[in-house]
């Protein structure tokens, strides 16, 4: 695994020889900007449980009654919620949250909770302004636009029932919760810039609120914006920030096998070789936007070396 400096040099050389994609250009720009200390507005947060096990990368096939991912003793499970069709009045399953949008939503909501310490979160009078907060594009229209996808994934995420289970030989503990038991959305997805009379908001559940405040993991919002096209890259970034901090504190390198990493974050990949290839690509991008991250190759995986935190520790007040 190359170090961040090597990756940046390689990326810049590559940039001279070939056409760089907009996504890679954004990563390169973010990497240059992230050489300095982050501003307060650049600091985001995610609950520790959502780093230990993550949401589906793609829509689960076959509409199973429950989707789950297990990491050692820890399991995250999701049961989809239901809504009422405004035309027919019929109830229907809204499906599972998946992909990048619910991840960006969770980062944003977690950050608002840590910053404000309130459960009632205002989303604003226009859909466009909220989309820009998440790094989405409100200018494109149609049913595949970011506006439609955001509304769909918000309903999937906020209506679902999420459980965290930890099971060991001598006992178990669990947390069953809904992220937003109550909410109001009054936006027009066909006209994202149009203001509405009533504000849109969510009221996060008390259990989710307490879980976020118990042990939030600080991350760099600039990195999230650069990696926002890939759910695997977003997951691996949160994982790397969390793990690197623990290794930094202990001062002891940690060996990570591709099999271990796939068990935690790559449940959507049936082929271990495919996961390894995609994970390596994602880690190269992450090393660019987290320059202090130090990784070293080993047979069957890599070694996470003591690395300075992505977000410097803030002095306690």
C-alpha atoms as a PDB file:
ATOM      1  CA  UNK A   1       0.000   0.000   0.000  1.00  0.00           C
ATOM      2  CA  UNK A   2       1.484   3.336  -1.003  1.00  0.00           C
ATOM      3  CA  UNK A   3       1.776   6.204   1.408  1.00  0.00           C
ATOM      4  CA  UNK A   4      -0.255   9.359   0.867  1.00  0.00           C
ATOM      5  CA  UNK A   5       2.710  11.312  -0.526  1.00  0.00           C
ATOM      6  CA  UNK A   6       3.426   8.603  -3.088  1.00  0.00           C
ATOM      7  CA  UNK A   7      -0.222   8.479  -4.088  1.00  0.00           C
ATOM      8  CA  UNK A   8      -0.375  12.235  -4.558  1.00  0.00           C
ATOM      9  CA  UNK A   9       2.785  12.243  -6.672  1.00  0.00           C
ATOM     10  CA  UNK A  10       1.444   9.362  -8.749  1.00  0.00           C
ATOM     11  CA  UNK A  11      -1.921  11.070  -9.153  1.00  0.00           C
ATOM     12  CA  UNK A  12      -0.333  14.339 -10.278  1.00  0.00           C
ATOM     13  CA  UNK A  13       1.851  12.509 -12.811  1.00  0.00           C
ATOM     14  CA  UNK A  14      -1.179  10.656 -14.087  1.00  0.00           C
ATOM     15  CA  UNK A  15      -3.024  13.934 -14.391  1.00  0.00           C
ATOM     16  CA  UNK A  16      -0.476  15.126 -16.926  1.00  0.00           C
ATOM     17  CA  UNK A  17      -0.796  12.027 -19.110  1.00  0.00           C
ATOM     18  CA  UNK A  18      -4.512  11.287 -19.182  1.00  0.00           C
ATOM     19  CA  UNK A  19      -7.856  12.997 -18.795  1.00  0.00           C
ATOM     20  CA  UNK A  20      -8.703  13.052 -15.103  1.00  0.00           C
ATOM     21  CA  UNK A  21     -12.321  12.288 -14.236  1.00  0.00           C
ATOM     22  CA  UNK A  22     -14.333  14.936 -12.331  1.00  0.00           C
ATOM     23  CA  UNK A  23     -14.460  12.604  -9.317  1.00  0.00           C
ATOM     24  CA  UNK A  24     -10.673  12.183  -9.233  1.00  0.00           C
ATOM     25  CA  UNK A  25     -10.215  15.911  -9.810  1.00  0.00           C
ATOM     26  CA  UNK A  26     -12.343  16.594  -6.737  1.00  0.00           C
ATOM     27  CA  UNK A  27     -10.284  14.141  -4.696  1.00  0.00           C
ATOM     28  CA  UNK A  28      -7.046  15.792  -5.831  1.00  0.00           C
ATOM     29  CA  UNK A  29      -8.389  19.245  -5.001  1.00  0.00           C
ATOM     30  CA  UNK A  30      -9.612  18.050  -1.600  1.00  0.00           C
ATOM     31  CA  UNK A  31      -6.224  16.496  -0.886  1.00  0.00           C
ATOM     32  CA  UNK A  32      -4.439  19.775  -1.610  1.00  0.00           C
ATOM     33  CA  UNK A  33      -6.873  21.718   0.589  1.00  0.00           C
ATOM     34  CA  UNK A  34      -6.628  19.212   3.441  1.00  0.00           C
ATOM     35  CA  UNK A  35      -2.926  19.725   4.043  1.00  0.00           C
ATOM     36  CA  UNK A  36      -3.908  22.366   6.608  1.00  0.00           C
ATOM     37  CA  UNK A  37      -6.021  22.152   9.765  1.00  0.00           C
ATOM     38  CA  UNK A  38      -9.792  21.847   9.245  1.00  0.00           C
ATOM     39  CA  UNK A  39     -12.061  24.739  10.118  1.00  0.00           C
ATOM     40  CA  UNK A  40     -14.870  24.141  12.602  1.00  0.00           C
ATOM     41  CA  UNK A  41     -17.359  23.943   9.705  1.00  0.00           C
ATOM     42  CA  UNK A  42     -15.284  21.131   8.147  1.00  0.00           C
ATOM     43  CA  UNK A  43     -15.723  18.788  11.121  1.00  0.00           C
ATOM     44  CA  UNK A  44     -18.504  16.194  10.889  1.00  0.00           C
ATOM     45  CA  UNK A  45     -19.427  13.218  13.083  1.00  0.00           C
ATOM     46  CA  UNK A  46     -20.782   9.673  12.837  1.00  0.00           C
ATOM     47  CA  UNK A  47     -21.970   7.341  15.604  1.00  0.00           C
ATOM     48  CA  UNK A  48     -19.482   4.603  16.496  1.00  0.00           C
ATOM     49  CA  UNK A  49     -22.091   1.877  15.849  1.00  0.00           C
ATOM     50  CA  UNK A  50     -22.488   3.066  12.239  1.00  0.00           C
ATOM     51  CA  UNK A  51     -18.749   2.610  11.718  1.00  0.00           C
ATOM     52  CA  UNK A  52     -18.686  -0.904  13.154  1.00  0.00           C
ATOM     53  CA  UNK A  53     -21.341  -2.121  10.700  1.00  0.00           C
ATOM     54  CA  UNK A  54     -22.780  -0.227   7.749  1.00  0.00           C
ATOM     55  CA  UNK A  55     -25.857   0.093   5.525  1.00  0.00           C
ATOM     56  CA  UNK A  56     -26.320  -1.840   2.255  1.00  0.00           C
ATOM     57  CA  UNK A  57     -24.269  -0.568  -0.691  1.00  0.00           C
ATOM     58  CA  UNK A  58     -26.949  -1.604  -3.189  1.00  0.00           C
ATOM     59  CA  UNK A  59     -30.658  -2.391  -2.963  1.00  0.00           C
ATOM     60  CA  UNK A  60     -31.014  -5.840  -1.290  1.00  0.00           C
ATOM     61  CA  UNK A  61     -32.298  -8.350  -3.846  1.00  0.00           C
ATOM     62  CA  UNK A  62     -35.556 -10.166  -3.276  1.00  0.00           C
ATOM     63  CA  UNK A  63     -36.966  -7.694  -0.697  1.00  0.00           C
ATOM     64  CA  UNK A  64     -36.093  -9.813   2.376  1.00  0.00           C
ATOM     65  CA  UNK A  65     -38.073  -9.070   5.587  1.00  0.00           C
ATOM     66  CA  UNK A  66     -34.804  -8.160   7.320  1.00  0.00           C
ATOM     67  CA  UNK A  67     -31.308  -7.212   6.149  1.00  0.00           C
ATOM     68  CA  UNK A  68     -28.327  -7.534   8.469  1.00  0.00           C
ATOM     69  CA  UNK A  69     -24.543  -7.283   8.583  1.00  0.00           C
ATOM     70  CA  UNK A  70     -22.389  -8.924  11.294  1.00  0.00           C
ATOM     71  CA  UNK A  71     -18.944  -7.831  12.459  1.00  0.00           C
ATOM     72  CA  UNK A  72     -17.612 -10.232  15.086  1.00  0.00           C
ATOM     73  CA  UNK A  73     -19.968  -9.965  18.089  1.00  0.00           C
ATOM     74  CA  UNK A  74     -21.739  -6.938  16.602  1.00  0.00           C
ATOM     75  CA  UNK A  75     -24.734  -7.020  14.215  1.00  0.00           C
ATOM     76  CA  UNK A  76     -26.596  -4.196  12.490  1.00  0.00           C
ATOM     77  CA  UNK A  77     -30.036  -5.192  11.200  1.00  0.00           C
ATOM     78  CA  UNK A  78     -32.669  -3.205   9.302  1.00  0.00           C
ATOM     79  CA  UNK A  79     -36.378  -3.830   8.799  1.00  0.00           C
ATOM     80  CA  UNK A  80     -38.007  -1.659   6.136  1.00  0.00           C
ATOM     81  CA  UNK A  81     -40.861   0.687   7.015  1.00  0.00           C
ATOM     82  CA  UNK A  82     -44.241   1.329   5.375  1.00  0.00           C
ATOM     83  CA  UNK A  83     -45.991   4.402   3.990  1.00  0.00           C
ATOM     84  CA  UNK A  84     -49.315   5.295   2.368  1.00  0.00           C
ATOM     85  CA  UNK A  85     -49.634   6.041  -1.351  1.00  0.00           C
ATOM     86  CA  UNK A  86     -51.201   9.522  -1.646  1.00  0.00           C
ATOM     87  CA  UNK A  87     -53.100   8.539  -4.827  1.00  0.00           C
ATOM     88  CA  UNK A  88     -54.497   5.107  -3.944  1.00  0.00           C
ATOM     89  CA  UNK A  89     -54.439   5.199  -0.141  1.00  0.00           C
ATOM     90  CA  UNK A  90     -52.740   1.788  -0.173  1.00  0.00           C
ATOM     91  CA  UNK A  91     -49.933   0.896   2.211  1.00  0.00           C
ATOM     92  CA  UNK A  92     -46.630  -0.159   0.674  1.00  0.00           C
ATOM     93  CA  UNK A  93     -43.124  -1.116   1.786  1.00  0.00           C
ATOM     94  CA  UNK A  94     -40.737   1.793   1.175  1.00  0.00           C
ATOM     95  CA  UNK A  95     -37.694  -0.511   0.981  1.00  0.00           C
ATOM     96  CA  UNK A  96     -34.194  -0.402   2.449  1.00  0.00           C
ATOM     97  CA  UNK A  97     -31.891   2.608   2.604  1.00  0.00           C
ATOM     98  CA  UNK A  98     -28.831   1.963   0.435  1.00  0.00           C
ATOM     99  CA  UNK A  99     -26.025   3.701  -1.435  1.00  0.00           C
ATOM    100  CA  UNK A 100     -24.370   7.047  -0.788  1.00  0.00           C
ATOM    101  CA  UNK A 101     -27.352   9.287  -0.001  1.00  0.00           C
ATOM    102  CA  UNK A 102     -28.408   7.708   3.343  1.00  0.00           C
ATOM    103  CA  UNK A 103     -24.753   7.723   4.390  1.00  0.00           C
ATOM    104  CA  UNK A 104     -24.475  11.448   3.645  1.00  0.00           C
ATOM    105  CA  UNK A 105     -27.758  11.978   5.508  1.00  0.00           C
ATOM    106  CA  UNK A 106     -26.434  10.142   8.560  1.00  0.00           C
ATOM    107  CA  UNK A 107     -23.192  12.129   8.590  1.00  0.00           C
ATOM    108  CA  UNK A 108     -25.200  15.363   8.371  1.00  0.00           C
ATOM    109  CA  UNK A 109     -27.725  14.388  11.061  1.00  0.00           C
ATOM    110  CA  UNK A 110     -25.031  13.062  13.410  1.00  0.00           C
ATOM    111  CA  UNK A 111     -23.126  16.323  13.011  1.00  0.00           C
ATOM    112  CA  UNK A 112     -26.206  18.440  13.731  1.00  0.00           C
ATOM    113  CA  UNK A 113     -26.892  16.431  16.891  1.00  0.00           C
ATOM    114  CA  UNK A 114     -23.316  16.824  18.181  1.00  0.00           C
ATOM    115  CA  UNK A 115     -23.224  20.541  17.378  1.00  0.00           C
ATOM    116  CA  UNK A 116     -26.674  21.532  18.674  1.00  0.00           C
ATOM    117  CA  UNK A 117     -27.583  18.831  21.234  1.00  0.00           C
ATOM    118  CA  UNK A 118     -31.213  18.971  20.117  1.00  0.00           C
ATOM    119  CA  UNK A 119     -33.452  16.250  18.669  1.00  0.00           C
ATOM    120  CA  UNK A 120     -35.618  18.565  16.537  1.00  0.00           C
ATOM    121  CA  UNK A 121     -33.656  19.331  13.357  1.00  0.00           C
ATOM    122  CA  UNK A 122     -34.869  21.906  10.828  1.00  0.00           C
ATOM    123  CA  UNK A 123     -34.209  20.983   7.184  1.00  0.00           C
ATOM    124  CA  UNK A 124     -35.077  24.361   5.665  1.00  0.00           C
ATOM    125  CA  UNK A 125     -37.700  25.973   3.420  1.00  0.00           C
ATOM    126  CA  UNK A 126     -36.251  24.726   0.124  1.00  0.00           C
ATOM    127  CA  UNK A 127     -35.144  21.297  -0.996  1.00  0.00           C
ATOM    128  CA  UNK A 128     -32.306  22.842  -3.007  1.00  0.00           C
ATOM    129  CA  UNK A 129     -30.651  24.425   0.030  1.00  0.00           C
ATOM    130  CA  UNK A 130     -30.752  21.127   1.937  1.00  0.00           C
ATOM    131  CA  UNK A 131     -29.363  19.246  -1.073  1.00  0.00           C
ATOM    132  CA  UNK A 132     -26.400  21.626  -1.225  1.00  0.00           C
ATOM    133  CA  UNK A 133     -25.731  20.923   2.466  1.00  0.00           C
ATOM    134  CA  UNK A 134     -25.301  17.263   1.502  1.00  0.00           C
ATOM    135  CA  UNK A 135     -23.222  17.999  -1.598  1.00  0.00           C
ATOM    136  CA  UNK A 136     -26.016  16.978  -4.000  1.00  0.00           C
ATOM    137  CA  UNK A 137     -26.980  18.702  -7.252  1.00  0.00           C
ATOM    138  CA  UNK A 138     -30.445  20.362  -7.261  1.00  0.00           C
ATOM    139  CA  UNK A 139     -30.194  21.554 -10.877  1.00  0.00           C
ATOM    140  CA  UNK A 140     -30.951  18.260 -12.631  1.00  0.00           C
ATOM    141  CA  UNK A 141     -34.561  17.078 -13.063  1.00  0.00           C
ATOM    142  CA  UNK A 142     -36.323  13.789 -13.729  1.00  0.00           C
ATOM    143  CA  UNK A 143     -36.991  10.646 -11.742  1.00  0.00           C
ATOM    144  CA  UNK A 144     -33.270   9.760 -11.578  1.00  0.00           C
ATOM    145  CA  UNK A 145     -32.300  13.198 -10.302  1.00  0.00           C
ATOM    146  CA  UNK A 146     -30.672  13.789  -6.932  1.00  0.00           C
ATOM    147  CA  UNK A 147     -33.909  15.418  -5.716  1.00  0.00           C
ATOM    148  CA  UNK A 148     -36.030  12.312  -6.356  1.00  0.00           C
ATOM    149  CA  UNK A 149     -33.333   9.990  -5.037  1.00  0.00           C
ATOM    150  CA  UNK A 150     -32.969  12.078  -1.877  1.00  0.00           C
ATOM    151  CA  UNK A 151     -36.705  12.043  -1.140  1.00  0.00           C
ATOM    152  CA  UNK A 152     -36.832   8.276  -1.724  1.00  0.00           C
ATOM    153  CA  UNK A 153     -33.798   7.516   0.463  1.00  0.00           C
ATOM    154  CA  UNK A 154     -34.974   9.852   3.244  1.00  0.00           C
ATOM    155  CA  UNK A 155     -38.214   7.903   3.472  1.00  0.00           C
ATOM    156  CA  UNK A 156     -36.369   4.569   3.385  1.00  0.00           C
ATOM    157  CA  UNK A 157     -33.928   5.643   6.110  1.00  0.00           C
ATOM    158  CA  UNK A 158     -36.307   7.436   8.458  1.00  0.00           C
ATOM    159  CA  UNK A 159     -39.164   4.901   8.283  1.00  0.00           C
ATOM    160  CA  UNK A 160     -36.967   1.831   8.822  1.00  0.00           C
ATOM    161  CA  UNK A 161     -36.396   0.053  12.141  1.00  0.00           C
ATOM    162  CA  UNK A 162     -32.695  -0.342  12.955  1.00  0.00           C
ATOM    163  CA  UNK A 163     -31.213  -2.678  15.579  1.00  0.00           C
ATOM    164  CA  UNK A 164     -27.721  -2.949  17.036  1.00  0.00           C
ATOM    165  CA  UNK A 165     -27.015  -6.333  18.676  1.00  0.00           C
ATOM    166  CA  UNK A 166     -23.930  -7.421  20.607  1.00  0.00           C
ATOM    167  CA  UNK A 167     -23.931 -11.116  21.526  1.00  0.00           C
ATOM    168  CA  UNK A 168     -21.277 -12.874  23.592  1.00  0.00           C
ATOM    169  CA  UNK A 169     -21.001 -16.173  25.463  1.00  0.00           C
ATOM    170  CA  UNK A 170     -21.868 -14.633  28.818  1.00  0.00           C
ATOM    171  CA  UNK A 171     -24.621 -12.245  27.704  1.00  0.00           C
ATOM    172  CA  UNK A 172     -26.036  -9.897  25.127  1.00  0.00           C
ATOM    173  CA  UNK A 173     -27.261  -6.362  24.669  1.00  0.00           C
ATOM    174  CA  UNK A 174     -29.293  -4.685  21.962  1.00  0.00           C
ATOM    175  CA  UNK A 175     -30.728  -1.372  20.870  1.00  0.00           C
ATOM    176  CA  UNK A 176     -33.863  -1.272  18.700  1.00  0.00           C
ATOM    177  CA  UNK A 177     -34.730   2.146  17.331  1.00  0.00           C
ATOM    178  CA  UNK A 178     -36.090   4.347  14.585  1.00  0.00           C
ATOM    179  CA  UNK A 179     -33.889   7.255  13.487  1.00  0.00           C
ATOM    180  CA  UNK A 180     -36.737   9.729  12.990  1.00  0.00           C
ATOM    181  CA  UNK A 181     -40.060   8.610  14.522  1.00  0.00           C
ATOM    182  CA  UNK A 182     -41.672  11.897  13.427  1.00  0.00           C
ATOM    183  CA  UNK A 183     -41.025  14.249  10.531  1.00  0.00           C
ATOM    184  CA  UNK A 184     -42.620  16.672   8.058  1.00  0.00           C
ATOM    185  CA  UNK A 185     -41.528  17.098   4.427  1.00  0.00           C
ATOM    186  CA  UNK A 186     -43.213  19.814   2.346  1.00  0.00           C
ATOM    187  CA  UNK A 187     -40.711  20.157  -0.507  1.00  0.00           C
ATOM    188  CA  UNK A 188     -41.559  19.978  -4.214  1.00  0.00           C
ATOM    189  CA  UNK A 189     -39.029  17.621  -5.841  1.00  0.00           C
ATOM    190  CA  UNK A 190     -39.965  18.971  -9.293  1.00  0.00           C
ATOM    191  CA  UNK A 191     -39.044  22.503  -8.192  1.00  0.00           C
ATOM    192  CA  UNK A 192     -36.247  22.162  -5.605  1.00  0.00           C
ATOM    193  CA  UNK A 193     -35.580  25.929  -5.516  1.00  0.00           C
ATOM    194  CA  UNK A 194     -39.201  26.773  -4.720  1.00  0.00           C
ATOM    195  CA  UNK A 195     -39.853  27.898  -1.163  1.00  0.00           C
ATOM    196  CA  UNK A 196     -42.742  26.436   0.837  1.00  0.00           C
ATOM    197  CA  UNK A 197     -44.990  27.845   3.537  1.00  0.00           C
ATOM    198  CA  UNK A 198     -44.118  25.212   6.136  1.00  0.00           C
ATOM    199  CA  UNK A 199     -40.632  24.194   7.140  1.00  0.00           C
ATOM    200  CA  UNK A 200     -39.473  20.597   6.726  1.00  0.00           C
ATOM    201  CA  UNK A 201     -38.005  18.940   9.804  1.00  0.00           C
ATOM    202  CA  UNK A 202     -37.243  15.660  11.551  1.00  0.00           C
ATOM    203  CA  UNK A 203     -37.392  14.703  15.214  1.00  0.00           C
ATOM    204  CA  UNK A 204     -34.727  12.079  15.871  1.00  0.00           C
ATOM    205  CA  UNK A 205     -35.541   9.290  18.312  1.00  0.00           C
ATOM    206  CA  UNK A 206     -34.218   9.517  21.863  1.00  0.00           C
ATOM    207  CA  UNK A 207     -32.310   6.221  21.552  1.00  0.00           C
ATOM    208  CA  UNK A 208     -30.609   7.307  18.342  1.00  0.00           C
ATOM    209  CA  UNK A 209     -29.855  10.716  19.848  1.00  0.00           C
ATOM    210  CA  UNK A 210     -28.171   9.165  22.892  1.00  0.00           C
ATOM    211  CA  UNK A 211     -26.223   6.681  20.752  1.00  0.00           C
ATOM    212  CA  UNK A 212     -24.778   9.524  18.666  1.00  0.00           C
ATOM    213  CA  UNK A 213     -23.765  11.606  21.688  1.00  0.00           C
ATOM    214  CA  UNK A 214     -22.273   8.629  23.555  1.00  0.00           C
ATOM    215  CA  UNK A 215     -19.242   8.200  21.279  1.00  0.00           C
ATOM    216  CA  UNK A 216     -19.264  10.257  18.067  1.00  0.00           C
ATOM    217  CA  UNK A 217     -16.386   9.679  15.631  1.00  0.00           C
ATOM    218  CA  UNK A 218     -15.080  12.992  14.172  1.00  0.00           C
ATOM    219  CA  UNK A 219     -14.420  13.021  10.412  1.00  0.00           C
ATOM    220  CA  UNK A 220     -13.517  15.652   7.822  1.00  0.00           C
ATOM    221  CA  UNK A 221     -16.471  16.957   5.816  1.00  0.00           C
ATOM    222  CA  UNK A 222     -14.135  17.848   2.931  1.00  0.00           C
ATOM    223  CA  UNK A 223     -13.207  14.171   2.625  1.00  0.00           C
ATOM    224  CA  UNK A 224     -16.873  13.135   2.648  1.00  0.00           C
ATOM    225  CA  UNK A 225     -17.639  15.525  -0.216  1.00  0.00           C
ATOM    226  CA  UNK A 226     -14.712  14.150  -2.222  1.00  0.00           C
ATOM    227  CA  UNK A 227     -15.694  10.497  -1.623  1.00  0.00           C
ATOM    228  CA  UNK A 228     -19.460  10.942  -1.869  1.00  0.00           C
ATOM    229  CA  UNK A 229     -19.820   8.982  -5.140  1.00  0.00           C
ATOM    230  CA  UNK A 230     -18.842   5.663  -3.522  1.00  0.00           C
ATOM    231  CA  UNK A 231     -20.639   4.026  -0.551  1.00  0.00           C
ATOM    232  CA  UNK A 232     -17.652   1.714  -0.036  1.00  0.00           C
ATOM    233  CA  UNK A 233     -15.240   4.663   0.068  1.00  0.00           C
ATOM    234  CA  UNK A 234     -17.460   6.495   2.582  1.00  0.00           C
ATOM    235  CA  UNK A 235     -17.649   3.378   4.767  1.00  0.00           C
ATOM    236  CA  UNK A 236     -13.918   2.737   4.560  1.00  0.00           C
ATOM    237  CA  UNK A 237     -13.133   6.361   5.359  1.00  0.00           C
ATOM    238  CA  UNK A 238     -15.241   6.268   8.556  1.00  0.00           C
ATOM    239  CA  UNK A 239     -13.680   2.911   9.446  1.00  0.00           C
ATOM    240  CA  UNK A 240     -10.123   4.154   8.787  1.00  0.00           C
ATOM    241  CA  UNK A 241     -10.586   7.313  10.872  1.00  0.00           C
ATOM    242  CA  UNK A 242     -12.007   5.315  13.784  1.00  0.00           C
ATOM    243  CA  UNK A 243      -9.415   2.503  13.647  1.00  0.00           C
ATOM    244  CA  UNK A 244      -6.471   4.834  13.076  1.00  0.00           C
ATOM    245  CA  UNK A 245      -7.360   6.820  16.183  1.00  0.00           C
ATOM    246  CA  UNK A 246      -7.332   3.643  18.309  1.00  0.00           C
ATOM    247  CA  UNK A 247      -3.997   2.531  16.848  1.00  0.00           C
ATOM    248  CA  UNK A 248      -2.564   6.024  17.384  1.00  0.00           C
ATOM    249  CA  UNK A 249      -3.600   5.988  21.054  1.00  0.00           C
ATOM    250  CA  UNK A 250      -2.095   2.545  21.711  1.00  0.00           C
ATOM    251  CA  UNK A 251       0.945   3.105  19.518  1.00  0.00           C
ATOM    252  CA  UNK A 252       0.745  -0.488  18.262  1.00  0.00           C
ATOM    253  CA  UNK A 253       0.266  -1.341  14.541  1.00  0.00           C
ATOM    254  CA  UNK A 254      -2.780  -3.446  13.674  1.00  0.00           C
ATOM    255  CA  UNK A 255      -2.930  -6.174  11.042  1.00  0.00           C
ATOM    256  CA  UNK A 256      -6.069  -6.171   8.889  1.00  0.00           C
ATOM    257  CA  UNK A 257      -6.849  -9.020   6.485  1.00  0.00           C
ATOM    258  CA  UNK A 258      -9.016  -8.526   3.416  1.00  0.00           C
ATOM    259  CA  UNK A 259     -11.268 -11.261   4.781  1.00  0.00           C
ATOM    260  CA  UNK A 260     -11.789  -9.346   8.043  1.00  0.00           C
ATOM    261  CA  UNK A 261     -12.478  -6.123   6.203  1.00  0.00           C
ATOM    262  CA  UNK A 262     -14.966  -7.776   3.861  1.00  0.00           C
ATOM    263  CA  UNK A 263     -16.779  -9.333   6.815  1.00  0.00           C
ATOM    264  CA  UNK A 264     -17.244  -5.887   8.333  1.00  0.00           C
ATOM    265  CA  UNK A 265     -17.857  -3.656   5.318  1.00  0.00           C
ATOM    266  CA  UNK A 266     -18.093  -5.793   2.182  1.00  0.00           C
ATOM    267  CA  UNK A 267     -21.156  -7.952   2.676  1.00  0.00           C
ATOM    268  CA  UNK A 268     -22.504  -6.774  -0.698  1.00  0.00           C
ATOM    269  CA  UNK A 269     -19.572  -8.412  -2.530  1.00  0.00           C
ATOM    270  CA  UNK A 270     -19.924 -12.131  -3.246  1.00  0.00           C
ATOM    271  CA  UNK A 271     -16.440 -12.438  -4.762  1.00  0.00           C
ATOM    272  CA  UNK A 272     -13.559 -11.763  -2.287  1.00  0.00           C
ATOM    273  CA  UNK A 273     -11.237 -10.852  -5.187  1.00  0.00           C
ATOM    274  CA  UNK A 274     -13.705  -8.227  -6.418  1.00  0.00           C
ATOM    275  CA  UNK A 275     -13.992  -6.772  -2.911  1.00  0.00           C
ATOM    276  CA  UNK A 276     -10.198  -6.661  -2.522  1.00  0.00           C
ATOM    277  CA  UNK A 277      -9.840  -4.817  -5.843  1.00  0.00           C
ATOM    278  CA  UNK A 278     -12.562  -2.259  -4.996  1.00  0.00           C
ATOM    279  CA  UNK A 279     -11.285  -1.812  -1.429  1.00  0.00           C
ATOM    280  CA  UNK A 280      -7.738  -1.120  -2.656  1.00  0.00           C
ATOM    281  CA  UNK A 281      -9.050   1.504  -5.063  1.00  0.00           C
ATOM    282  CA  UNK A 282     -11.085   3.112  -2.284  1.00  0.00           C
ATOM    283  CA  UNK A 283      -8.151   3.097   0.148  1.00  0.00           C
ATOM    284  CA  UNK A 284      -5.974   4.925  -2.386  1.00  0.00           C
ATOM    285  CA  UNK A 285      -8.593   7.673  -2.578  1.00  0.00           C
ATOM    286  CA  UNK A 286      -8.902   7.735   1.210  1.00  0.00           C
ATOM    287  CA  UNK A 287      -5.131   8.052   1.608  1.00  0.00           C
ATOM    288  CA  UNK A 288      -5.307  11.119  -0.635  1.00  0.00           C
ATOM    289  CA  UNK A 289      -7.933  12.886   1.500  1.00  0.00           C
ATOM    290  CA  UNK A 290      -6.485  11.585   4.794  1.00  0.00           C
ATOM    291  CA  UNK A 291      -2.784  12.317   4.213  1.00  0.00           C
ATOM    292  CA  UNK A 292      -1.729  11.251   7.721  1.00  0.00           C
ATOM    293  CA  UNK A 293      -3.081   7.712   7.222  1.00  0.00           C
ATOM    294  CA  UNK A 294      -0.197   5.207   7.146  1.00  0.00           C
ATOM    295  CA  UNK A 295      -0.793   1.799   5.554  1.00  0.00           C
ATOM    296  CA  UNK A 296       1.695  -0.954   4.755  1.00  0.00           C
ATOM    297  CA  UNK A 297       1.249  -4.023   2.552  1.00  0.00           C
ATOM    298  CA  UNK A 298       1.270  -7.539   3.971  1.00  0.00           C
ATOM    299  CA  UNK A 299       0.256 -10.932   2.587  1.00  0.00           C
ATOM    300  CA  UNK A 300      -3.542 -11.192   2.596  1.00  0.00           C
ATOM    301  CA  UNK A 301      -4.141  -7.647   3.778  1.00  0.00           C
ATOM    302  CA  UNK A 302      -2.372  -4.585   5.141  1.00  0.00           C
ATOM    303  CA  UNK A 303      -0.973  -3.139   8.364  1.00  0.00           C
ATOM    304  CA  UNK A 304      -2.508  -0.014   9.871  1.00  0.00           C
ATOM    305  CA  UNK A 305       0.401   1.938  11.381  1.00  0.00           C
ATOM    306  CA  UNK A 306       0.040   4.599  14.116  1.00  0.00           C
ATOM    307  CA  UNK A 307      -1.338   7.616  12.239  1.00  0.00           C
ATOM    308  CA  UNK A 308      -2.205  11.091  13.378  1.00  0.00           C
ATOM    309  CA  UNK A 309      -6.003  11.541  13.693  1.00  0.00           C
ATOM    310  CA  UNK A 310      -7.871  12.901  10.685  1.00  0.00           C
ATOM    311  CA  UNK A 311      -9.333  15.516  13.033  1.00  0.00           C
ATOM    312  CA  UNK A 312      -6.915  16.770  15.722  1.00  0.00           C
ATOM    313  CA  UNK A 313      -8.191  16.227  19.243  1.00  0.00           C
ATOM    314  CA  UNK A 314     -10.023  19.260  20.498  1.00  0.00           C
ATOM    315  CA  UNK A 315      -9.043  20.649  23.931  1.00  0.00           C
ATOM    316  CA  UNK A 316     -11.664  19.871  26.550  1.00  0.00           C
ATOM    317  CA  UNK A 317     -13.523  22.878  27.866  1.00  0.00           C
END
